[in-house]
Amino acid sequence: MKRKVEELEKGKSSTALPVDMPDTPDQSSTKSDEGGIAKDFGSLTISASSEGHYLGPGSGISFAQLTQAIMFQKDFEKEKTIAGGLMLHTNPALMLDNASNPEDGPLPSAKRAAEVVEFYWCHSHTLYPILDKDHFMECLDKMFSLDDEDVMGLHNDSVWMFKLYMVLAIGSTAMASITISSENEAVACWSKAMTYFNDTLSKGNIAALECLLLLVSYSFFNRLGPDTWYLVGIASRLALGLGWHSEKSLEAFPPEQRERYKRVFWSLYMMDRVVSTTLGRPLAIRDQDIDTNYFSVVGQPYLEVTLHILKLRQIAGQILENVYTIKTASSATDQTRHSTVNHLHHQLVEWRRTMPFPLNESQFSLVPHLTTAWFDLNYYNLVIMLFRPSPLWPMPPQENIRLVADAAAMALQQFSNLCRQQKLSFNWLNLISVFTAGLTLVFITTQPDWQTNYLPAREVINDLKVCRDLLTKFAQRLPPAKACVNVITGSVHDLCSKHDSNEPSPIMQNDENANPTYSVDSVLQMFSMSNDRYYEELMAQIDPSFMADTPFEIDTTFWDANIYTL
C-alpha cells in the first residue's frame, strides 16, 4: 500500500521577490510509515512559511499525532517533537505544479476591471478594509477619464499602480476560487503589480504597510507570491513602529485619518490571527499590547460584519494563547482547564448569538461571509479547536469529545450548504478546514464505545461522504486535494466494512494521468502559504494499518493534516 512520493514537476511560477531555496535532501524515503500522519499533516501547514519549519500545537499537528498514535498503537510521547511542536524539512524540488505563467493571462479590460473591483469591495474589503474606498474609486474614475494629464499622473504614481493591480489580482483570484475558473487573469495582475512593488516600499511606512497587507490578502487565495508568514511579521513591526496599536498615538491625527489607520491596523490584526492559528505559531501582535479602540461603523454598515469577524479572530487568538501555549498548559490544574475552556466557549456562544442581522445574502452573490452558514461554520471550527485534545487538555473528558464530534459534523454540513449556494471559496484555508473536520470524525471512531458515546456509525459514514464530496470539488482547483479524497474514501470503506455490509466499496480517486503522487505531507506543505516551498514531500504516505483489509490501493499520506481554519 505504500507508494513513493514522486517529485512534483517544477511550476513555471515567477516572483518579483525571489527567495533562495537551500538544498534539502528528500526525507520521505527515510521516514517511518508510522510517523507519516503527523509529518504529513505538518507539511500541509508548513507551506505557509517558506523559511521557518516550526509548527506549534495550535496548528493541529499534535492532534494529528494523537490520532496517528491511536491508529498505530504507538507511544504518543515518543514522537519527535520540539516543545510540543514538530520540526519539518522541506524539499524545494517539490513546487506548485499548476502555477500559471504571468505571461499566459491578459490584463482585464476597463469593463472587466470595473466588475473585479466591485467584487473586491463586496468580498475582500469586508474581510480586510485596508484601502480608502472613496479615494481609490476617485483615482479609478480618473484612469477611465479622457483627461490625459490625470491619466499620465496616475500612471507615474507607483503606489497607486501597485494598489490598482493588487485589487484586480485579489478580486479576480477570490472570484476564481468560488467559481473554480482560470487564475490567469489574477496572476497577470499580480505580476504587473509586482513591477511597482520595490518603488512603493520606498514611499514611506504607511504606503509600505498597505501594500504588504494587499500581498497577504492575495496569498490567502493564490499560492504565487512572497511568504505570508514573514509579510505579516514585517507588517506588524511597521504598524507597531507607527504606534497604531496605541489610542494615544492615534489621537494626534484628524478623525478621518485616524479611522483609516484603525481599519488598516485591525485588518493586520485579523491576518495575524489567521496565519498564527493556521501554523500554531506565536502571535505577532498581542492583545495585552493593544489599547486602540475598534474602528467606527457609523455610516458604513458593511463594517458591522467586519467588526463581528474581528471579534471572532480575537477569540481564535485567545484560544491559541490559552489552550495551545506549552508553558501555560504545563502548570494547569483540572479546575484551570475547566475554567479556561468554559470561559472561551461562553465567548464563542455569545459571538454566535450576537451575529449581525439581517445579512443581505441575496444582494451580494458569491460572497461567503455574508451568509449565516459562513458564521455558523466558523463557530464550529473554533469549537473543534477549543475542545479537541490539546496541550492544555491532552486527555479531555468525554463531554468535550462529544462536542468535538458534533462540531465536526456540523462544520461539514455548513461547508456543504455554502457549496450548494455557490458561495464556498475553494482556497487553501478552506481545504485545510474541510479535511480537519473529516480527520476529527476519524479520530472519534478511534475512541472506546464511540457509537454509544458520540455518534452512530451511519451518521459518521454519511458525514465522511459529505467530506469526500467536498474534497472532490476542491480537487478541481487544487489537485493535491485528491490525496485527501483518497484518505477519507478509505476511511469510509473501512467503516462500511465493519458497520454496514450493504454499503458498496467506494471508488478511489486514481488519476493515472496525474503527474505527482500527492500525499498528506504535500497537501500540508501547500497549505502554508509560502512562496518557494508550497508542498514539500506531498503527504508522506502512511501505513494504513487501520485499513488493512482494504482491497484497493489507497494513498494514506494525508493523515497528518489536521489544521483548523476559518
Protein backbone atom coordinates (compact mmCIF):
# COMPACT_ATOMS: atom_id res chain seq x y z
CA MET A 1 0.00 0.00 0.00
CA LYS A 2 2.98 2.24 0.10
CA ARG A 3 3.80 4.44 -2.79
CA LYS A 4 6.89 6.55 -3.14
CA VAL A 5 6.43 10.27 -3.11
CA GLU A 6 7.35 11.46 -6.55
CA GLU A 7 8.82 14.87 -7.03
CA LEU A 8 6.45 17.41 -8.44
CA GLU A 9 7.32 18.91 -11.76
CA LYS A 10 8.57 22.39 -11.12
CA GLY A 11 5.96 25.03 -11.88
CA LYS A 12 6.72 27.91 -14.17
CA SER A 13 5.80 30.39 -11.45
CA SER A 14 7.85 33.54 -11.20
CA THR A 15 8.04 36.14 -8.48
CA ALA A 16 9.46 39.60 -8.15
CA LEU A 17 10.69 38.69 -4.71
CA PRO A 18 12.71 35.51 -5.27
CA VAL A 19 13.77 33.59 -2.21
CA ASP A 20 16.86 31.41 -2.30
CA MET A 21 15.96 27.84 -1.53
CA PRO A 22 18.66 25.87 0.27
CA ASP A 23 19.24 22.36 -0.93
CA THR A 24 17.45 19.96 1.36
CA PRO A 25 17.65 16.21 0.94
CA ASP A 26 14.42 14.36 0.31
CA GLN A 27 13.36 12.95 3.66
CA SER A 28 10.42 10.88 2.50
CA SER A 29 12.31 7.70 1.77
CA THR A 30 13.74 7.58 5.28
CA LYS A 31 10.55 8.34 7.13
CA SER A 32 8.80 5.68 9.09
CA ASP A 33 5.37 4.91 7.79
CA GLU A 34 4.13 5.09 11.34
CA GLY A 35 5.28 8.68 11.63
CA GLY A 36 3.73 9.77 8.38
CA ILE A 37 0.45 11.09 9.71
CA ALA A 38 1.91 13.81 11.88
CA LYS A 39 4.62 14.74 9.39
CA ASP A 40 2.18 14.75 6.51
CA PHE A 41 -0.18 17.00 8.39
CA GLY A 42 2.70 19.27 9.20
CA SER A 43 3.72 19.57 5.59
CA LEU A 44 0.26 20.75 4.69
CA THR A 45 0.60 23.68 7.03
CA ILE A 46 4.30 24.40 6.68
CA SER A 47 3.74 25.82 3.24
CA ALA A 48 2.61 28.97 4.93
CA SER A 49 6.15 29.56 5.90
CA SER A 50 8.86 29.17 3.34
CA GLU A 51 11.80 29.52 5.67
CA GLY A 52 10.82 28.61 9.22
CA HIS A 53 9.86 24.99 9.70
CA TYR A 54 8.30 25.04 13.18
CA LEU A 55 4.66 24.06 13.57
CA GLY A 56 3.19 24.66 17.01
CA PRO A 57 0.49 22.55 18.65
CA GLY A 58 -2.20 25.07 17.76
CA SER A 59 -1.76 24.13 14.11
CA GLY A 60 -3.32 20.76 14.84
CA ILE A 61 -0.07 18.85 14.47
CA SER A 62 -0.29 17.41 17.99
CA PHE A 63 -3.87 16.32 17.42
CA ALA A 64 -2.81 14.60 14.21
CA GLN A 65 -0.02 12.86 16.13
CA LEU A 66 -2.52 11.69 18.73
CA THR A 67 -4.82 10.26 16.08
CA GLN A 68 -1.84 8.56 14.49
CA ALA A 69 -0.66 7.16 17.82
CA ILE A 70 -4.04 5.59 18.49
CA MET A 71 -4.27 4.16 14.99
CA PHE A 72 -0.79 2.67 15.06
CA GLN A 73 -0.81 1.59 18.73
CA LYS A 74 2.33 3.55 19.45
CA ASP A 75 3.53 5.71 22.30
CA PHE A 76 2.49 9.32 21.68
CA GLU A 77 5.24 10.63 23.92
CA LYS A 78 7.95 9.14 21.71
CA GLU A 79 7.11 11.38 18.77
CA LYS A 80 10.00 13.59 17.75
CA THR A 81 8.64 16.90 18.92
CA ILE A 82 10.16 20.17 19.92
CA ALA A 83 8.35 21.85 22.81
CA GLY A 84 5.06 20.38 21.73
CA GLY A 85 5.56 21.18 18.07
CA LEU A 86 7.17 19.37 15.17
CA MET A 87 10.19 20.28 13.11
CA LEU A 88 9.75 19.51 9.42
CA HIS A 89 12.12 19.65 6.48
CA THR A 90 11.16 21.00 3.13
CA ASN A 91 12.16 19.88 -0.32
CA PRO A 92 12.45 22.78 -2.76
CA ALA A 93 12.19 20.39 -5.69
CA LEU A 94 8.51 19.91 -4.92
CA MET A 95 6.88 23.03 -6.26
CA LEU A 96 3.36 24.10 -7.11
CA ASP A 97 2.62 22.10 -10.22
CA ASN A 98 -0.24 24.13 -11.60
CA ALA A 99 1.18 27.61 -11.15
CA SER A 100 0.36 29.85 -14.04
CA ASN A 101 2.87 31.81 -16.02
CA PRO A 102 2.00 35.51 -15.60
CA GLU A 103 2.54 35.99 -19.31
CA ASP A 104 -0.23 33.49 -20.06
CA GLY A 105 -3.03 35.77 -18.88
CA PRO A 106 -4.10 39.11 -20.33
CA LEU A 107 -4.80 42.12 -18.16
CA PRO A 108 -8.52 42.88 -17.78
CA SER A 109 -10.35 45.36 -19.98
CA ALA A 110 -11.86 48.51 -18.47
CA LYS A 111 -15.28 46.86 -18.22
CA ARG A 112 -13.89 43.72 -16.66
CA ALA A 113 -11.73 45.78 -14.29
CA ALA A 114 -14.83 47.58 -13.02
CA GLU A 115 -16.52 44.23 -12.31
CA VAL A 116 -13.50 42.85 -10.49
CA VAL A 117 -13.05 46.00 -8.41
CA GLU A 118 -16.71 45.92 -7.39
CA PHE A 119 -16.33 42.31 -6.29
CA TYR A 120 -13.23 43.26 -4.31
CA TRP A 121 -15.25 45.79 -2.31
CA CYS A 122 -18.06 43.31 -1.66
CA HIS A 123 -15.79 40.39 -0.81
CA SER A 124 -12.24 41.13 0.29
CA HIS A 125 -12.80 44.66 1.58
CA THR A 126 -15.45 43.45 4.03
CA LEU A 127 -12.90 40.99 5.41
CA TYR A 128 -9.92 43.35 5.44
CA PRO A 129 -10.81 47.05 4.92
CA ILE A 130 -7.26 48.03 4.03
CA LEU A 131 -7.87 50.74 1.44
CA ASP A 132 -9.73 54.03 1.40
CA LYS A 133 -12.56 53.14 -0.96
CA ASP A 134 -13.58 56.71 -1.81
CA HIS A 135 -10.04 57.74 -2.72
CA PHE A 136 -9.46 54.56 -4.72
CA MET A 137 -12.64 54.95 -6.75
CA GLU A 138 -11.87 58.62 -7.39
CA CYS A 139 -8.49 57.64 -8.85
CA LEU A 140 -10.06 54.83 -10.85
CA ASP A 141 -12.56 57.24 -12.40
CA LYS A 142 -9.66 59.44 -13.44
CA MET A 143 -7.95 56.46 -15.05
CA PHE A 144 -11.03 55.94 -17.20
CA SER A 145 -11.41 59.64 -18.00
CA LEU A 146 -10.30 61.41 -21.15
CA ASP A 147 -8.01 63.78 -19.26
CA ASP A 148 -4.53 62.82 -20.43
CA GLU A 149 -2.89 64.79 -17.64
CA ASP A 150 -4.80 62.89 -14.92
CA VAL A 151 -4.13 59.56 -16.56
CA MET A 152 -0.43 60.27 -17.00
CA GLY A 153 -0.13 61.45 -13.41
CA LEU A 154 -1.64 58.24 -12.09
CA HIS A 155 0.48 56.09 -14.39
CA ASN A 156 3.55 57.71 -12.85
CA ASP A 157 2.32 57.06 -9.30
CA SER A 158 3.84 53.70 -8.34
CA VAL A 159 1.81 53.42 -5.13
CA TRP A 160 -1.47 53.86 -6.99
CA MET A 161 -0.48 51.48 -9.78
CA PHE A 162 0.54 48.82 -7.28
CA LYS A 163 -2.74 49.14 -5.40
CA LEU A 164 -4.77 49.09 -8.61
CA TYR A 165 -3.25 45.87 -9.91
CA MET A 166 -3.30 44.21 -6.49
CA VAL A 167 -7.01 44.99 -6.09
CA LEU A 168 -7.59 43.47 -9.52
CA ALA A 169 -5.48 40.43 -8.59
CA ILE A 170 -7.25 39.90 -5.26
CA GLY A 171 -10.72 40.41 -6.69
CA SER A 172 -10.01 38.11 -9.62
CA THR A 173 -8.45 35.29 -7.57
CA ALA A 174 -11.22 35.50 -4.96
CA MET A 175 -13.82 35.20 -7.70
CA ALA A 176 -11.95 32.33 -9.35
CA SER A 177 -11.74 30.46 -6.04
CA ILE A 178 -15.54 30.39 -5.83
CA THR A 179 -16.37 29.76 -9.48
CA ILE A 180 -13.39 27.37 -9.95
CA SER A 181 -12.26 29.24 -13.04
CA SER A 182 -8.90 30.21 -14.53
CA GLU A 183 -6.34 32.08 -12.41
CA ASN A 184 -4.52 33.54 -15.41
CA GLU A 185 -6.08 36.97 -15.05
CA ALA A 186 -5.24 37.15 -11.34
CA VAL A 187 -1.65 36.03 -11.88
CA ALA A 188 -1.18 38.54 -14.70
CA CYS A 189 -2.42 41.38 -12.47
CA TRP A 190 -0.26 40.23 -9.57
CA SER A 191 2.79 40.09 -11.85
CA LYS A 192 2.07 43.60 -13.12
CA ALA A 193 1.65 44.91 -9.57
CA MET A 194 5.00 43.48 -8.53
CA THR A 195 6.77 45.64 -11.11
CA TYR A 196 5.82 48.62 -8.89
CA PHE A 197 6.49 46.94 -5.55
CA ASN A 198 10.07 47.99 -4.83
CA ASP A 199 9.35 51.62 -5.66
CA THR A 200 6.23 51.51 -3.49
CA LEU A 201 8.21 50.36 -0.46
CA SER A 202 10.37 53.47 -0.74
CA LYS A 203 7.37 55.79 -0.39
CA GLY A 204 7.15 55.59 3.40
CA ASN A 205 5.96 53.20 6.09
CA ILE A 206 2.23 53.82 5.64
CA ALA A 207 2.26 53.07 1.91
CA ALA A 208 4.52 50.08 2.52
CA LEU A 209 2.19 48.72 5.20
CA GLU A 210 -0.89 48.94 2.99
CA CYS A 211 0.92 47.24 0.13
CA LEU A 212 2.20 44.43 2.33
CA LEU A 213 -1.33 43.75 3.55
CA LEU A 214 -2.59 43.59 -0.02
CA LEU A 215 0.03 40.93 -0.72
CA VAL A 216 -1.08 38.99 2.35
CA SER A 217 -4.71 39.20 1.25
CA TYR A 218 -3.77 37.86 -2.18
CA SER A 219 -1.77 34.99 -0.72
CA PHE A 220 -4.81 33.66 1.14
CA PHE A 221 -6.29 32.72 -2.24
CA ASN A 222 -3.31 32.17 -4.51
CA ARG A 223 -0.05 30.43 -3.73
CA LEU A 224 2.05 32.57 -6.05
CA GLY A 225 3.66 35.30 -4.00
CA PRO A 226 6.01 36.14 -1.15
CA ASP A 227 5.88 34.28 2.15
CA THR A 228 2.71 35.15 4.07
CA TRP A 229 4.23 34.46 7.47
CA TYR A 230 7.08 36.91 7.02
CA LEU A 231 4.92 39.52 5.33
CA VAL A 232 2.63 39.57 8.36
CA GLY A 233 5.65 39.80 10.64
CA ILE A 234 7.16 42.73 8.75
CA ALA A 235 3.80 44.49 8.57
CA SER A 236 3.33 44.01 12.32
CA ARG A 237 6.68 45.67 13.02
CA LEU A 238 5.75 48.58 10.80
CA ALA A 239 2.36 49.05 12.47
CA LEU A 240 3.79 48.84 15.98
CA GLY A 241 6.56 51.23 14.99
CA LEU A 242 3.95 53.69 13.76
CA GLY A 243 2.19 53.39 17.12
CA TRP A 244 -1.13 52.31 15.65
CA HIS A 245 -1.66 49.84 18.50
CA SER A 246 -1.94 52.79 20.88
CA GLU A 247 -5.00 55.01 21.04
CA LYS A 248 -2.89 57.84 22.41
CA SER A 249 -0.59 57.75 19.38
CA LEU A 250 -3.55 57.91 17.01
CA GLU A 251 -5.10 60.89 18.78
CA ALA A 252 -2.60 63.15 17.00
CA PHE A 253 -4.29 62.51 13.65
CA PRO A 254 -7.50 64.06 12.28
CA PRO A 255 -10.60 61.87 12.91
CA GLU A 256 -10.95 60.66 9.31
CA GLN A 257 -7.29 59.73 9.05
CA ARG A 258 -7.39 58.11 12.47
CA GLU A 259 -10.27 55.86 11.42
CA ARG A 260 -8.43 54.88 8.27
CA TYR A 261 -5.36 53.85 10.26
CA LYS A 262 -7.52 51.85 12.66
CA ARG A 263 -9.05 49.90 9.79
CA VAL A 264 -5.59 49.08 8.46
CA PHE A 265 -4.30 48.08 11.90
CA TRP A 266 -7.24 45.82 12.73
CA SER A 267 -7.02 44.25 9.27
CA LEU A 268 -3.42 43.35 10.06
CA TYR A 269 -4.54 42.04 13.45
CA MET A 270 -7.03 39.69 11.80
CA MET A 271 -4.46 38.47 9.29
CA ASP A 272 -2.04 37.77 12.12
CA ARG A 273 -4.66 35.61 13.84
CA VAL A 274 -5.46 33.68 10.67
CA VAL A 275 -1.80 32.91 9.92
CA SER A 276 -0.77 32.21 13.53
CA THR A 277 -3.65 29.85 14.27
CA THR A 278 -3.05 28.03 10.98
CA LEU A 279 0.63 27.50 11.75
CA GLY A 280 0.28 27.23 15.51
CA ARG A 281 2.94 29.91 15.95
CA PRO A 282 3.04 32.78 18.46
CA LEU A 283 1.07 35.88 17.61
CA ALA A 284 2.95 38.87 16.22
CA ILE A 285 0.58 41.35 17.88
CA ARG A 286 -0.53 40.51 21.43
CA ASP A 287 -3.82 41.66 22.90
CA GLN A 288 -2.13 42.97 26.05
CA ASP A 289 -0.13 45.43 23.94
CA ILE A 290 -3.19 46.99 22.30
CA ASP A 291 -5.40 49.75 23.62
CA THR A 292 -6.55 51.09 20.25
CA ASN A 293 -10.32 51.19 20.00
CA TYR A 294 -12.19 49.46 17.21
CA PHE A 295 -12.85 51.38 14.00
CA SER A 296 -16.17 53.17 13.70
CA VAL A 297 -19.03 51.61 11.73
CA VAL A 298 -21.11 54.80 11.60
CA GLY A 299 -22.31 55.42 8.06
CA GLN A 300 -20.63 52.22 6.84
CA PRO A 301 -22.98 49.32 7.64
CA TYR A 302 -20.79 46.76 5.88
CA LEU A 303 -18.19 47.33 8.60
CA GLU A 304 -20.58 45.80 11.15
CA VAL A 305 -19.88 42.43 9.54
CA THR A 306 -16.14 43.18 9.54
CA LEU A 307 -16.24 44.10 13.22
CA HIS A 308 -18.01 40.87 14.10
CA ILE A 309 -15.39 38.88 12.17
CA LEU A 310 -12.70 40.80 14.06
CA LYS A 311 -14.20 39.66 17.37
CA LEU A 312 -14.08 36.07 16.10
CA ARG A 313 -10.38 36.46 15.29
CA GLN A 314 -9.81 37.76 18.81
CA ILE A 315 -11.38 34.65 20.29
CA ALA A 316 -9.26 32.47 17.99
CA GLY A 317 -6.13 34.23 19.23
CA GLN A 318 -7.19 33.72 22.85
CA ILE A 319 -7.71 30.00 22.20
CA LEU A 320 -4.24 29.81 20.66
CA GLU A 321 -2.61 31.55 23.62
CA ASN A 322 -4.57 29.91 26.43
CA VAL A 323 -5.09 26.38 25.12
CA TYR A 324 -2.07 25.79 22.89
CA THR A 325 0.70 27.58 24.79
CA ILE A 326 3.01 24.95 26.25
CA LYS A 327 4.14 26.93 29.29
CA THR A 328 0.60 27.76 30.35
CA ALA A 329 -0.63 24.21 29.78
CA SER A 330 2.16 22.52 31.74
CA SER A 331 1.07 24.00 35.08
CA ALA A 332 -2.70 23.86 34.56
CA THR A 333 -4.94 22.12 37.07
CA ASP A 334 -8.24 20.46 36.19
CA GLN A 335 -10.04 23.44 37.66
CA THR A 336 -7.99 25.81 35.49
CA ARG A 337 -8.69 23.72 32.41
CA HIS A 338 -12.42 23.72 33.01
CA SER A 339 -12.46 27.44 33.77
CA THR A 340 -10.37 28.39 30.72
CA VAL A 341 -12.26 26.27 28.23
CA ASN A 342 -15.69 27.19 29.59
CA HIS A 343 -14.85 30.90 29.50
CA LEU A 344 -13.70 30.72 25.89
CA HIS A 345 -16.72 28.63 24.94
CA HIS A 346 -19.00 31.22 26.53
CA GLN A 347 -17.35 33.90 24.39
CA LEU A 348 -17.93 31.79 21.29
CA VAL A 349 -21.59 31.22 22.13
CA GLU A 350 -22.07 34.93 22.78
CA TRP A 351 -20.33 35.78 19.49
CA ARG A 352 -22.68 33.50 17.62
CA ARG A 353 -25.72 34.85 19.45
CA THR A 354 -24.87 38.45 18.51
CA MET A 355 -24.36 37.73 14.82
CA PRO A 356 -25.22 40.87 12.80
CA PHE A 357 -28.68 40.65 11.29
CA PRO A 358 -30.06 40.89 8.77
CA LEU A 359 -27.38 39.63 6.42
CA ASN A 360 -28.21 40.68 2.88
CA GLU A 361 -27.32 37.31 1.37
CA SER A 362 -29.15 37.82 -1.91
CA GLN A 363 -27.67 41.23 -2.80
CA PHE A 364 -24.05 40.08 -2.90
CA SER A 365 -23.67 36.87 -4.85
CA LEU A 366 -20.51 34.80 -4.39
CA VAL A 367 -19.68 36.42 -1.02
CA PRO A 368 -19.46 33.65 1.62
CA HIS A 369 -19.15 35.79 4.74
CA LEU A 370 -22.48 37.50 4.13
CA THR A 371 -24.32 34.24 4.87
CA THR A 372 -25.38 32.71 8.19
CA ALA A 373 -23.80 29.42 7.07
CA TRP A 374 -20.36 31.08 6.99
CA PHE A 375 -20.73 32.40 10.55
CA ASP A 376 -22.00 29.03 11.80
CA LEU A 377 -19.12 27.29 10.07
CA ASN A 378 -16.54 29.46 11.79
CA TYR A 379 -18.23 28.90 15.13
CA TYR A 380 -17.96 25.13 14.74
CA ASN A 381 -14.36 25.34 13.54
CA LEU A 382 -13.36 27.10 16.74
CA VAL A 383 -15.36 24.66 18.87
CA ILE A 384 -13.27 21.88 17.31
CA MET A 385 -10.06 23.74 18.08
CA LEU A 386 -11.15 24.51 21.65
CA PHE A 387 -12.35 21.07 22.76
CA ARG A 388 -10.13 18.61 20.88
CA PRO A 389 -7.04 17.14 22.63
CA SER A 390 -4.56 19.98 23.17
CA PRO A 391 -1.54 20.91 25.31
CA LEU A 392 -3.91 22.38 27.90
CA TRP A 393 -6.06 19.25 27.96
CA PRO A 394 -4.27 16.25 26.41
CA MET A 395 -7.00 13.86 27.59
CA PRO A 396 -10.23 15.86 27.62
CA PRO A 397 -13.34 14.42 29.26
CA GLN A 398 -16.00 12.57 27.34
CA GLU A 399 -18.33 15.56 27.16
CA ASN A 400 -15.63 17.57 25.38
CA ILE A 401 -15.10 14.86 22.78
CA ARG A 402 -18.85 14.74 22.22
CA LEU A 403 -18.83 18.48 21.48
CA VAL A 404 -15.95 17.97 19.05
CA ALA A 405 -17.83 15.19 17.27
CA ASP A 406 -20.98 17.27 16.87
CA ALA A 407 -18.99 20.35 15.78
CA ALA A 408 -17.09 18.41 13.10
CA ALA A 409 -20.33 17.04 11.66
CA MET A 410 -21.98 20.46 11.71
CA ALA A 411 -18.95 22.15 10.14
CA LEU A 412 -19.13 19.76 7.20
CA GLN A 413 -22.85 20.44 6.83
CA GLN A 414 -22.23 24.20 6.72
CA PHE A 415 -19.49 23.72 4.13
CA SER A 416 -21.97 21.70 2.10
CA ASN A 417 -24.58 24.46 2.46
CA LEU A 418 -22.15 27.08 1.16
CA CYS A 419 -21.22 24.81 -1.73
CA ARG A 420 -24.88 24.39 -2.72
CA GLN A 421 -25.33 28.16 -2.56
CA GLN A 422 -22.26 28.56 -4.79
CA LYS A 423 -20.63 30.69 -2.11
CA LEU A 424 -17.84 28.39 -0.98
CA SER A 425 -14.34 29.63 -1.66
CA PHE A 426 -12.19 26.72 -2.80
CA ASN A 427 -8.96 28.06 -1.35
CA TRP A 428 -6.17 26.50 0.70
CA LEU A 429 -7.51 27.58 4.08
CA ASN A 430 -10.93 26.06 3.50
CA LEU A 431 -9.36 22.89 2.15
CA ILE A 432 -7.49 22.52 5.43
CA SER A 433 -10.69 23.17 7.36
CA VAL A 434 -12.71 20.56 5.47
CA PHE A 435 -10.02 17.95 5.89
CA THR A 436 -9.65 18.82 9.57
CA ALA A 437 -13.34 18.20 10.14
CA GLY A 438 -13.07 14.86 8.35
CA LEU A 439 -9.96 13.88 10.30
CA THR A 440 -11.77 14.82 13.51
CA LEU A 441 -14.56 12.37 12.72
CA VAL A 442 -11.99 9.66 12.03
CA PHE A 443 -10.42 10.45 15.40
CA ILE A 444 -13.83 9.99 17.02
CA THR A 445 -14.05 6.47 15.60
CA THR A 446 -10.81 5.55 17.42
CA GLN A 447 -12.39 6.22 20.81
CA PRO A 448 -13.78 3.41 23.01
CA ASP A 449 -17.51 2.78 22.56
CA TRP A 450 -17.66 5.71 20.15
CA GLN A 451 -21.01 4.75 18.64
CA THR A 452 -22.65 4.75 22.07
CA ASN A 453 -20.89 7.80 23.47
CA TYR A 454 -20.65 10.10 20.46
CA LEU A 455 -22.17 9.42 17.04
CA PRO A 456 -23.84 6.43 15.37
CA ALA A 457 -21.75 4.76 12.68
CA ARG A 458 -24.29 5.58 9.97
CA GLU A 459 -24.09 9.31 10.78
CA VAL A 460 -20.30 9.28 10.73
CA ILE A 461 -20.26 7.46 7.41
CA ASN A 462 -22.71 9.94 5.89
CA ASP A 463 -20.73 12.92 7.21
CA LEU A 464 -17.49 11.50 5.86
CA LYS A 465 -19.16 11.09 2.49
CA VAL A 466 -20.04 14.79 2.61
CA CYS A 467 -16.38 15.49 3.39
CA ARG A 468 -15.28 13.26 0.50
CA ASP A 469 -17.61 15.02 -1.96
CA LEU A 470 -16.39 18.44 -0.84
CA LEU A 471 -12.76 17.42 -1.21
CA THR A 472 -13.51 16.07 -4.68
CA LYS A 473 -14.80 19.52 -5.57
CA PHE A 474 -11.66 21.13 -4.12
CA ALA A 475 -9.55 18.83 -6.27
CA GLN A 476 -10.94 20.50 -9.39
CA ARG A 477 -8.97 23.62 -8.45
CA LEU A 478 -6.33 22.21 -6.11
CA PRO A 479 -5.03 18.86 -7.42
CA PRO A 480 -3.36 17.83 -4.14
CA ALA A 481 -6.84 17.56 -2.63
CA LYS A 482 -7.08 14.23 -4.47
CA ALA A 483 -4.92 12.78 -1.72
CA CYS A 484 -7.43 13.97 0.85
CA VAL A 485 -10.20 12.32 -1.13
CA ASN A 486 -8.33 9.02 -1.05
CA VAL A 487 -7.82 9.13 2.70
CA ILE A 488 -11.44 9.96 3.50
CA THR A 489 -12.67 7.42 0.94
CA GLY A 490 -10.53 4.76 2.58
CA SER A 491 -11.96 5.66 5.97
CA VAL A 492 -15.50 5.38 4.62
CA HIS A 493 -14.69 1.97 3.17
CA ASP A 494 -13.19 0.79 6.44
CA LEU A 495 -16.21 1.93 8.45
CA CYS A 496 -18.65 0.43 5.96
CA SER A 497 -16.90 -2.93 6.03
CA LYS A 498 -17.22 -3.00 9.80
CA HIS A 499 -20.62 -1.43 10.35
CA ASP A 500 -22.56 -1.55 7.09
CA SER A 501 -22.03 -4.63 4.98
CA ASN A 502 -24.60 -3.42 2.42
CA GLU A 503 -22.55 -0.36 1.57
CA PRO A 504 -20.67 -0.75 -1.76
CA SER A 505 -16.94 -0.16 -1.81
CA PRO A 506 -16.17 3.46 -2.66
CA ILE A 507 -14.27 4.33 -5.79
CA MET A 508 -10.85 5.82 -5.17
CA GLN A 509 -9.59 8.93 -6.91
CA ASN A 510 -6.94 7.26 -9.04
CA ASP A 511 -5.96 9.53 -11.88
CA GLU A 512 -3.32 7.73 -13.91
CA ASN A 513 -2.55 10.96 -15.74
CA ALA A 514 -1.83 12.84 -12.54
CA ASN A 515 1.80 13.82 -12.55
CA PRO A 516 2.84 13.55 -8.91
CA THR A 517 1.60 11.31 -6.14
CA TYR A 518 0.01 13.72 -3.73
CA SER A 519 0.38 12.71 -0.13
CA VAL A 520 -0.58 14.20 3.18
CA ASP A 521 2.85 15.70 3.51
CA SER A 522 2.41 17.52 0.23
CA VAL A 523 -1.02 18.86 0.98
CA LEU A 524 0.00 20.19 4.34
CA GLN A 525 3.05 21.72 2.73
CA MET A 526 0.91 23.58 0.25
CA PHE A 527 -1.43 24.89 2.87
CA SER A 528 1.17 27.01 4.50
CA MET A 529 1.03 29.89 2.10
CA SER A 530 4.67 30.21 1.24
CA ASN A 531 6.34 31.19 -1.99
CA ASP A 532 9.10 28.68 -2.55
CA ARG A 533 8.09 25.57 -0.63
CA TYR A 534 4.48 25.07 -1.43
CA TYR A 535 4.29 21.41 -0.69
CA GLU A 536 7.14 19.51 0.46
CA GLU A 537 7.10 15.76 0.14
CA LEU A 538 3.46 15.95 -0.73
CA MET A 539 1.86 13.96 2.03
CA ALA A 540 4.33 11.38 3.06
CA GLN A 541 2.49 8.08 2.67
CA ILE A 542 1.49 6.46 5.88
CA ASP A 543 0.91 2.82 6.60
CA PRO A 544 -2.86 2.33 6.50
CA SER A 545 -2.88 -0.38 9.15
CA PHE A 546 -6.34 0.68 10.21
CA MET A 547 -7.47 -0.18 6.68
CA ALA A 548 -5.59 -3.44 6.41
CA ASP A 549 -8.48 -5.18 4.72
CA THR A 550 -8.95 -2.52 2.06
CA PRO A 551 -8.97 -4.36 -1.31
CA PHE A 552 -7.60 -1.44 -3.28
CA GLU A 553 -4.54 0.72 -3.09
CA ILE A 554 -5.02 3.86 -1.05
CA ASP A 555 -2.85 6.89 -0.64
CA THR A 556 -2.69 7.28 3.12
CA THR A 557 -0.29 10.13 3.42
CA PHE A 558 -2.99 12.54 4.33
CA TRP A 559 -3.48 11.60 7.92
CA ASP A 560 -1.07 14.15 9.23
CA ALA A 561 -3.05 17.19 8.23
CA ASN A 562 -5.30 18.33 10.97
CA ILE A 563 -5.41 22.08 10.96
CA TYR A 564 -8.28 24.24 11.86
CA THR A 565 -9.02 27.17 9.56
CA LEU A 566 -11.50 29.91 9.29
